[in-house]
Amino acid sequence: MTDSIAFTGIRAFDGNRALTGVTVIIRDGIVTEITGAGRSPSIPPGTETIPGEGLTLLPGLIDSHVHVFSTEALQQNLVFGVTTVLDMFTNPQWAAQIKKEQARKEQTPKEQAPITGRADLFSAGILATAPGGHGTQFGLKIPTL
């Protein structure tokens, strides 16, 4: 497995416009070079090269309002390009377990880190509501204000 990947001939969005024929080089998980069409990128020897003609490369998306109750939901988010989710209501114990797994992955040397195949989770934990308010209709034990 290589620590460098080059996506060549792709379409990339810079926040304002779509650029075509671009090469993006990623080293150790960090974008280190973006070369426009007609320019020669400096692709390091041993770099895995992925031809991307006709394809678009996007950064990981963030969904800032989800309700996640399973690792399968986190896996499904990743399938659709969402690499990070902000959960607004879930079981706090489950969320804490997922956070421990994420922290362990982040503290492990890259070559030994497990590939979880799921989006990263940030959670607000349990929601706060008024007696009889939103969320209580599901029969869940929810603290009220």
C-alpha atoms as a PDB file:
ATOM      1  CA  MET A   1       0.000   0.000   0.000  1.00  0.00           C
ATOM      2  CA  THR A   2       1.327   3.417  -0.940  1.00  0.00           C
ATOM      3  CA  ASP A   3       1.170   6.585   1.147  1.00  0.00           C
ATOM      4  CA  SER A   4       0.622   8.684  -1.990  1.00  0.00           C
ATOM      5  CA  ILE A   5      -2.238   8.734  -4.477  1.00  0.00           C
ATOM      6  CA  ALA A   6      -2.514  10.856  -7.622  1.00  0.00           C
ATOM      7  CA  PHE A   7      -5.887  11.430  -9.269  1.00  0.00           C
ATOM      8  CA  THR A   8      -5.170  12.533 -12.833  1.00  0.00           C
ATOM      9  CA  GLY A   9      -7.354  14.286 -15.385  1.00  0.00           C
ATOM     10  CA  ILE A  10     -10.217  14.859 -12.951  1.00  0.00           C
ATOM     11  CA  ARG A  11     -12.767  17.621 -12.609  1.00  0.00           C
ATOM     12  CA  ALA A  12     -12.397  19.477  -9.295  1.00  0.00           C
ATOM     13  CA  PHE A  13     -14.553  22.163  -7.716  1.00  0.00           C
ATOM     14  CA  ASP A  14     -12.564  24.950  -6.023  1.00  0.00           C
ATOM     15  CA  GLY A  15     -15.541  26.574  -4.302  1.00  0.00           C
ATOM     16  CA  ASN A  16     -16.256  28.910  -7.206  1.00  0.00           C
ATOM     17  CA  ARG A  17     -15.936  26.942 -10.414  1.00  0.00           C
ATOM     18  CA  ALA A  18     -15.323  23.485 -11.818  1.00  0.00           C
ATOM     19  CA  LEU A  19     -11.792  22.934 -13.090  1.00  0.00           C
ATOM     20  CA  THR A  20     -11.161  20.180 -15.644  1.00  0.00           C
ATOM     21  CA  GLY A  21      -8.078  18.134 -16.427  1.00  0.00           C
ATOM     22  CA  VAL A  22      -6.731  18.596 -12.901  1.00  0.00           C
ATOM     23  CA  THR A  23      -4.263  16.337 -11.071  1.00  0.00           C
ATOM     24  CA  VAL A  24      -4.593  16.077  -7.289  1.00  0.00           C
ATOM     25  CA  ILE A  25      -1.842  14.441  -5.244  1.00  0.00           C
ATOM     26  CA  ILE A  26      -2.579  13.182  -1.742  1.00  0.00           C
ATOM     27  CA  ARG A  27       0.280  12.195   0.586  1.00  0.00           C
ATOM     28  CA  ASP A  28      -0.417  10.607   3.967  1.00  0.00           C
ATOM     29  CA  GLY A  29      -4.079  11.615   3.706  1.00  0.00           C
ATOM     30  CA  ILE A  30      -3.343  15.289   2.960  1.00  0.00           C
ATOM     31  CA  VAL A  31      -3.779  17.073  -0.376  1.00  0.00           C
ATOM     32  CA  THR A  32      -0.265  18.277  -1.176  1.00  0.00           C
ATOM     33  CA  GLU A  33      -0.558  19.384  -4.789  1.00  0.00           C
ATOM     34  CA  ILE A  34      -3.227  20.466  -7.245  1.00  0.00           C
ATOM     35  CA  THR A  35      -2.015  20.947 -10.798  1.00  0.00           C
ATOM     36  CA  GLY A  36      -4.169  22.526 -13.494  1.00  0.00           C
ATOM     37  CA  ALA A  37      -4.718  21.223 -17.003  1.00  0.00           C
ATOM     38  CA  GLY A  38      -1.721  21.573 -19.296  1.00  0.00           C
ATOM     39  CA  ARG A  39       0.777  21.632 -16.411  1.00  0.00           C
ATOM     40  CA  SER A  40       3.026  18.759 -15.390  1.00  0.00           C
ATOM     41  CA  PRO A  41       2.399  17.492 -11.863  1.00  0.00           C
ATOM     42  CA  SER A  42       5.328  16.233  -9.780  1.00  0.00           C
ATOM     43  CA  ILE A  43       4.048  12.722  -9.063  1.00  0.00           C
ATOM     44  CA  PRO A  44       6.487  10.987  -6.683  1.00  0.00           C
ATOM     45  CA  PRO A  45       7.848   7.551  -7.669  1.00  0.00           C
ATOM     46  CA  GLY A  46       5.740   4.722  -6.241  1.00  0.00           C
ATOM     47  CA  THR A  47       2.583   6.836  -6.155  1.00  0.00           C
ATOM     48  CA  GLU A  48      -0.633   4.988  -6.942  1.00  0.00           C
ATOM     49  CA  THR A  49      -2.132   6.776  -9.954  1.00  0.00           C
ATOM     50  CA  ILE A  50      -5.872   6.740 -10.581  1.00  0.00           C
ATOM     51  CA  PRO A  51      -7.051   8.041 -13.961  1.00  0.00           C
ATOM     52  CA  GLY A  52     -10.051  10.279 -13.415  1.00  0.00           C
ATOM     53  CA  GLU A  53     -11.059  11.469 -16.870  1.00  0.00           C
ATOM     54  CA  GLY A  54     -14.778  12.238 -16.790  1.00  0.00           C
ATOM     55  CA  LEU A  55     -14.928  11.922 -12.994  1.00  0.00           C
ATOM     56  CA  THR A  56     -15.264  14.544 -10.258  1.00  0.00           C
ATOM     57  CA  LEU A  57     -13.245  14.545  -7.038  1.00  0.00           C
ATOM     58  CA  LEU A  58     -14.914  16.146  -4.023  1.00  0.00           C
ATOM     59  CA  PRO A  59     -13.787  16.615  -0.441  1.00  0.00           C
ATOM     60  CA  GLY A  60     -15.657  14.591   2.165  1.00  0.00           C
ATOM     61  CA  LEU A  61     -19.075  16.072   2.849  1.00  0.00           C
ATOM     62  CA  ILE A  62     -20.427  16.944   6.320  1.00  0.00           C
ATOM     63  CA  ASP A  63     -24.063  16.371   7.297  1.00  0.00           C
ATOM     64  CA  SER A  64     -24.729  18.673  10.237  1.00  0.00           C
ATOM     65  CA  HIS A  65     -28.143  17.335  11.274  1.00  0.00           C
ATOM     66  CA  VAL A  66     -28.660  13.592  11.442  1.00  0.00           C
ATOM     67  CA  HIS A  67     -30.166  11.049  13.818  1.00  0.00           C
ATOM     68  CA  VAL A  68     -27.866   8.025  13.892  1.00  0.00           C
ATOM     69  CA  PHE A  69     -28.679   4.881  15.832  1.00  0.00           C
ATOM     70  CA  SER A  70     -26.326   2.316  14.273  1.00  0.00           C
ATOM     71  CA  THR A  71     -22.901   1.804  12.750  1.00  0.00           C
ATOM     72  CA  GLU A  72     -24.712   0.749   9.567  1.00  0.00           C
ATOM     73  CA  ALA A  73     -26.092   4.293   9.246  1.00  0.00           C
ATOM     74  CA  LEU A  74     -22.542   5.658   9.540  1.00  0.00           C
ATOM     75  CA  GLN A  75     -21.406   3.204   6.853  1.00  0.00           C
ATOM     76  CA  GLN A  76     -24.252   4.282   4.574  1.00  0.00           C
ATOM     77  CA  ASN A  77     -23.301   7.946   5.005  1.00  0.00           C
ATOM     78  CA  LEU A  78     -19.778   7.157   3.830  1.00  0.00           C
ATOM     79  CA  VAL A  79     -21.120   5.372   0.736  1.00  0.00           C
ATOM     80  CA  PHE A  80     -22.725   8.680  -0.279  1.00  0.00           C
ATOM     81  CA  GLY A  81     -19.573  10.749   0.323  1.00  0.00           C
ATOM     82  CA  VAL A  82     -20.474  12.005   3.804  1.00  0.00           C
ATOM     83  CA  THR A  83     -17.327  11.562   5.901  1.00  0.00           C
ATOM     84  CA  THR A  84     -18.535  13.389   9.031  1.00  0.00           C
ATOM     85  CA  VAL A  85     -21.955  13.606  10.678  1.00  0.00           C
ATOM     86  CA  LEU A  86     -23.263  15.745  13.527  1.00  0.00           C
ATOM     87  CA  ASP A  87     -25.926  13.761  15.325  1.00  0.00           C
ATOM     88  CA  MET A  88     -28.666  15.707  17.094  1.00  0.00           C
ATOM     89  CA  PHE A  89     -30.161  12.841  19.124  1.00  0.00           C
ATOM     90  CA  THR A  90     -28.908   9.353  19.866  1.00  0.00           C
ATOM     91  CA  ASN A  91     -28.067   7.043  22.734  1.00  0.00           C
ATOM     92  CA  PRO A  92     -25.208   8.795  24.596  1.00  0.00           C
ATOM     93  CA  GLN A  93     -23.557   5.494  25.602  1.00  0.00           C
ATOM     94  CA  TRP A  94     -23.487   4.297  22.002  1.00  0.00           C
ATOM     95  CA  ALA A  95     -22.101   7.639  20.800  1.00  0.00           C
ATOM     96  CA  ALA A  96     -19.389   7.489  23.494  1.00  0.00           C
ATOM     97  CA  GLN A  97     -18.355   4.013  22.297  1.00  0.00           C
ATOM     98  CA  ILE A  98     -18.101   5.211  18.688  1.00  0.00           C
ATOM     99  CA  LYS A  99     -16.017   8.218  19.828  1.00  0.00           C
ATOM    100  CA  LYS A 100     -13.629   5.865  21.694  1.00  0.00           C
ATOM    101  CA  GLU A 101     -13.178   3.821  18.530  1.00  0.00           C
ATOM    102  CA  GLN A 102     -12.531   6.991  16.506  1.00  0.00           C
ATOM    103  CA  ALA A 103      -9.978   8.246  19.068  1.00  0.00           C
ATOM    104  CA  ARG A 104      -8.193   4.880  19.035  1.00  0.00           C
ATOM    105  CA  LYS A 105      -8.022   5.037  15.227  1.00  0.00           C
ATOM    106  CA  GLU A 106      -6.635   8.600  15.310  1.00  0.00           C
ATOM    107  CA  GLN A 107      -3.942   7.641  17.856  1.00  0.00           C
ATOM    108  CA  THR A 108      -2.800   4.560  15.951  1.00  0.00           C
ATOM    109  CA  PRO A 109       0.039   4.791  13.416  1.00  0.00           C
ATOM    110  CA  LYS A 110      -1.473   5.055   9.944  1.00  0.00           C
ATOM    111  CA  GLU A 111      -0.202   1.677   8.731  1.00  0.00           C
ATOM    112  CA  GLN A 112      -1.806  -0.060  11.746  1.00  0.00           C
ATOM    113  CA  ALA A 113      -5.026   1.966  11.945  1.00  0.00           C
ATOM    114  CA  PRO A 114      -8.214   0.009  11.333  1.00  0.00           C
ATOM    115  CA  ILE A 115     -10.305   1.050   8.357  1.00  0.00           C
ATOM    116  CA  THR A 116     -13.739   1.519   9.849  1.00  0.00           C
ATOM    117  CA  GLY A 117     -15.567   2.149   6.589  1.00  0.00           C
ATOM    118  CA  ARG A 118     -17.893   4.640   8.209  1.00  0.00           C
ATOM    119  CA  ALA A 119     -18.369   8.370   8.675  1.00  0.00           C
ATOM    120  CA  ASP A 120     -16.938  10.053  11.768  1.00  0.00           C
ATOM    121  CA  LEU A 121     -19.540  10.873  14.409  1.00  0.00           C
ATOM    122  CA  PHE A 122     -19.928  13.993  16.512  1.00  0.00           C
ATOM    123  CA  SER A 123     -22.998  13.853  18.719  1.00  0.00           C
ATOM    124  CA  ALA A 124     -25.049  16.245  20.808  1.00  0.00           C
ATOM    125  CA  GLY A 125     -26.196  13.161  22.744  1.00  0.00           C
ATOM    126  CA  ILE A 126     -29.725  13.095  24.055  1.00  0.00           C
ATOM    127  CA  LEU A 127     -31.997  15.964  23.132  1.00  0.00           C
ATOM    128  CA  ALA A 128     -33.477  18.461  25.570  1.00  0.00           C
ATOM    129  CA  THR A 129     -37.194  19.110  25.392  1.00  0.00           C
ATOM    130  CA  ALA A 130     -40.166  20.321  27.400  1.00  0.00           C
ATOM    131  CA  PRO A 131     -42.653  17.896  29.023  1.00  0.00           C
ATOM    132  CA  GLY A 132     -44.825  16.557  26.203  1.00  0.00           C
ATOM    133  CA  GLY A 133     -42.469  18.211  23.683  1.00  0.00           C
ATOM    134  CA  HIS A 134     -40.791  16.921  20.551  1.00  0.00           C
ATOM    135  CA  GLY A 135     -39.235  13.505  20.989  1.00  0.00           C
ATOM    136  CA  THR A 136     -41.425  12.357  23.860  1.00  0.00           C
ATOM    137  CA  GLN A 137     -44.037  11.032  21.418  1.00  0.00           C
ATOM    138  CA  PHE A 138     -41.746   8.109  20.553  1.00  0.00           C
ATOM    139  CA  GLY A 139     -41.989   6.609  24.035  1.00  0.00           C
ATOM    140  CA  LEU A 140     -38.289   7.046  24.704  1.00  0.00           C
ATOM    141  CA  LYS A 141     -37.053   8.117  28.095  1.00  0.00           C
ATOM    142  CA  ILE A 142     -35.991  11.694  27.370  1.00  0.00           C
ATOM    143  CA  PRO A 143     -35.056  14.245  30.023  1.00  0.00           C
ATOM    144  CA  THR A 144     -37.331  17.269  30.005  1.00  0.00           C
ATOM    145  CA  LEU A 145     -36.674  20.810  31.129  1.00  0.00           C
END
